[in-house]
Amino acid sequence: MNPELFEAYKNTTYRVYSPIGEIAIRTGVMNPLLQELLLSNNAESWAFITACNPYSVMQDADVNTLLNTQLEDYLSGKRYVFFKGMGVGDDDSWEPEACEPNIVQPFCLLCSFLPS
């Protein structure tokens, strides 16, 4: 990964819409709410993932919607626990990739707990 892209990911707030409230995650910052969510789901690991804009190449909304719907179907089929969320970069040159809770929109990010 090139250094500029790495910095962009580091300088993003990843918001998760969970049953215990909205959780704002920043790389390298401990988050008590995230820890609580992990404990309440008996999860030891997690990932913030999206199918949008594969390989960090911008796609149009229809492509991103299709890709993320396929990812959500896959995660559901495997019985992963996941929540909708959004990633908002400090650099406003990219639109936030987002999903409002319980509403499918073009850009969706998912926080998924991986089986232990």
Protein backbone atom coordinates (compact mmCIF):
# COMPACT_ATOMS: atom_id res chain seq x y z
CA MET A 1 0.00 0.00 0.00
CA ASN A 2 1.39 3.40 -0.87
CA PRO A 3 2.15 5.77 2.02
CA GLU A 4 -0.50 8.36 1.04
CA LEU A 5 -3.25 5.74 1.02
CA PHE A 6 -2.03 4.35 4.34
CA GLU A 7 -2.21 7.85 5.85
CA ALA A 8 -5.71 8.36 4.45
CA TYR A 9 -6.93 5.17 6.14
CA LYS A 10 -5.21 6.15 9.39
CA ASN A 11 -6.83 9.59 9.25
CA THR A 12 -10.38 8.30 9.05
CA THR A 13 -13.04 7.97 11.73
CA TYR A 14 -14.88 4.67 11.41
CA ARG A 15 -18.37 4.94 12.91
CA VAL A 16 -20.29 1.82 13.88
CA TYR A 17 -24.03 1.87 14.58
CA SER A 18 -24.37 -0.74 17.31
CA PRO A 19 -27.10 -1.68 19.80
CA ILE A 20 -25.12 0.08 22.54
CA GLY A 21 -24.85 3.30 20.51
CA GLU A 22 -22.69 4.86 17.84
CA ILE A 23 -19.01 4.00 18.24
CA ALA A 24 -16.33 6.21 16.70
CA ILE A 25 -13.16 4.23 16.01
CA ARG A 26 -9.78 5.79 15.22
CA THR A 27 -6.66 3.81 14.37
CA GLY A 28 -4.37 3.46 17.38
CA VAL A 29 -6.91 4.84 19.88
CA MET A 30 -8.37 2.60 22.60
CA ASN A 31 -12.15 2.66 22.65
CA PRO A 32 -14.07 1.49 25.74
CA LEU A 33 -17.38 1.26 23.84
CA LEU A 34 -15.80 -0.97 21.21
CA GLN A 35 -14.36 -3.14 23.98
CA GLU A 36 -17.83 -3.38 25.54
CA LEU A 37 -19.35 -4.39 22.20
CA LEU A 38 -16.68 -7.04 21.70
CA LEU A 39 -17.24 -8.47 25.20
CA SER A 40 -21.03 -8.48 24.79
CA ASN A 41 -20.63 -10.54 21.59
CA ASN A 42 -17.95 -12.88 22.99
CA ALA A 43 -15.67 -11.66 20.20
CA GLU A 44 -11.90 -11.56 20.35
CA SER A 45 -11.32 -10.00 16.94
CA TRP A 46 -13.06 -7.67 14.54
CA ALA A 47 -12.60 -5.92 11.22
CA PHE A 48 -14.10 -2.85 9.62
CA ILE A 49 -14.70 -3.87 6.02
CA THR A 50 -16.44 -2.75 2.87
CA ALA A 51 -16.91 -4.01 -0.64
CA CYS A 52 -17.13 -0.43 -1.90
CA ASN A 53 -14.40 1.00 -4.11
CA PRO A 54 -12.34 -2.21 -4.40
CA TYR A 55 -8.57 -1.67 -4.14
CA SER A 56 -9.35 1.98 -3.26
CA VAL A 57 -10.48 2.74 -6.81
CA MET A 58 -13.64 4.87 -6.93
CA GLN A 59 -16.71 3.13 -8.37
CA ASP A 60 -20.13 4.53 -9.12
CA ALA A 61 -22.95 4.15 -6.60
CA ASP A 62 -24.68 1.28 -8.47
CA VAL A 63 -21.52 -0.85 -8.53
CA ASN A 64 -20.81 -0.16 -4.85
CA THR A 65 -24.39 -0.98 -3.88
CA LEU A 66 -24.23 -4.32 -5.70
CA LEU A 67 -20.83 -5.24 -4.24
CA ASN A 68 -21.80 -4.36 -0.71
CA THR A 69 -25.12 -6.20 -0.95
CA GLN A 70 -23.17 -9.30 -1.99
CA LEU A 71 -20.82 -8.86 0.97
CA GLU A 72 -23.71 -8.42 3.39
CA ASP A 73 -25.40 -11.56 2.00
CA TYR A 74 -22.15 -13.50 2.40
CA LEU A 75 -21.64 -12.38 6.00
CA SER A 76 -25.26 -13.17 6.85
CA GLY A 77 -24.94 -16.62 5.30
CA LYS A 78 -21.84 -17.33 7.38
CA ARG A 79 -23.63 -16.05 10.51
CA TYR A 80 -21.13 -13.29 11.23
CA VAL A 81 -22.28 -10.60 13.63
CA PHE A 82 -22.05 -7.27 11.85
CA PHE A 83 -23.27 -3.71 12.12
CA LYS A 84 -23.73 -0.90 9.64
CA GLY A 85 -21.38 2.03 9.80
CA MET A 86 -19.50 4.66 7.90
CA GLY A 87 -15.98 5.84 7.30
CA VAL A 88 -15.36 9.58 7.27
CA GLY A 89 -11.88 10.71 6.30
CA ASP A 90 -10.24 13.83 7.61
CA ASP A 91 -9.52 14.61 3.93
CA ASP A 92 -12.81 15.64 2.32
CA SER A 93 -11.73 14.76 -1.24
CA TRP A 94 -13.59 11.42 -0.92
CA GLU A 95 -17.26 11.24 -0.08
CA PRO A 96 -17.96 9.45 3.21
CA GLU A 97 -18.79 5.81 2.60
CA ALA A 98 -21.84 5.29 4.73
CA CYS A 99 -24.86 3.28 5.68
CA GLU A 100 -27.48 4.63 8.00
CA PRO A 101 -28.69 2.06 10.52
CA ASN A 102 -31.28 -0.28 8.98
CA ILE A 103 -31.32 1.61 5.66
CA VAL A 104 -29.44 0.28 2.66
CA GLN A 105 -27.68 3.12 0.87
CA PRO A 106 -25.08 3.13 -1.89
CA PHE A 107 -22.02 3.13 0.36
CA CYS A 108 -22.06 0.69 3.24
CA LEU A 109 -19.33 -0.33 5.61
CA LEU A 110 -19.68 -3.24 7.93
CA CYS A 111 -18.08 -3.95 11.25
CA SER A 112 -17.86 -7.71 11.47
CA PHE A 113 -16.90 -9.89 14.40
CA LEU A 114 -14.85 -12.84 13.33
CA PRO A 115 -15.54 -16.19 14.97
CA SER A 116 -13.09 -17.01 17.78
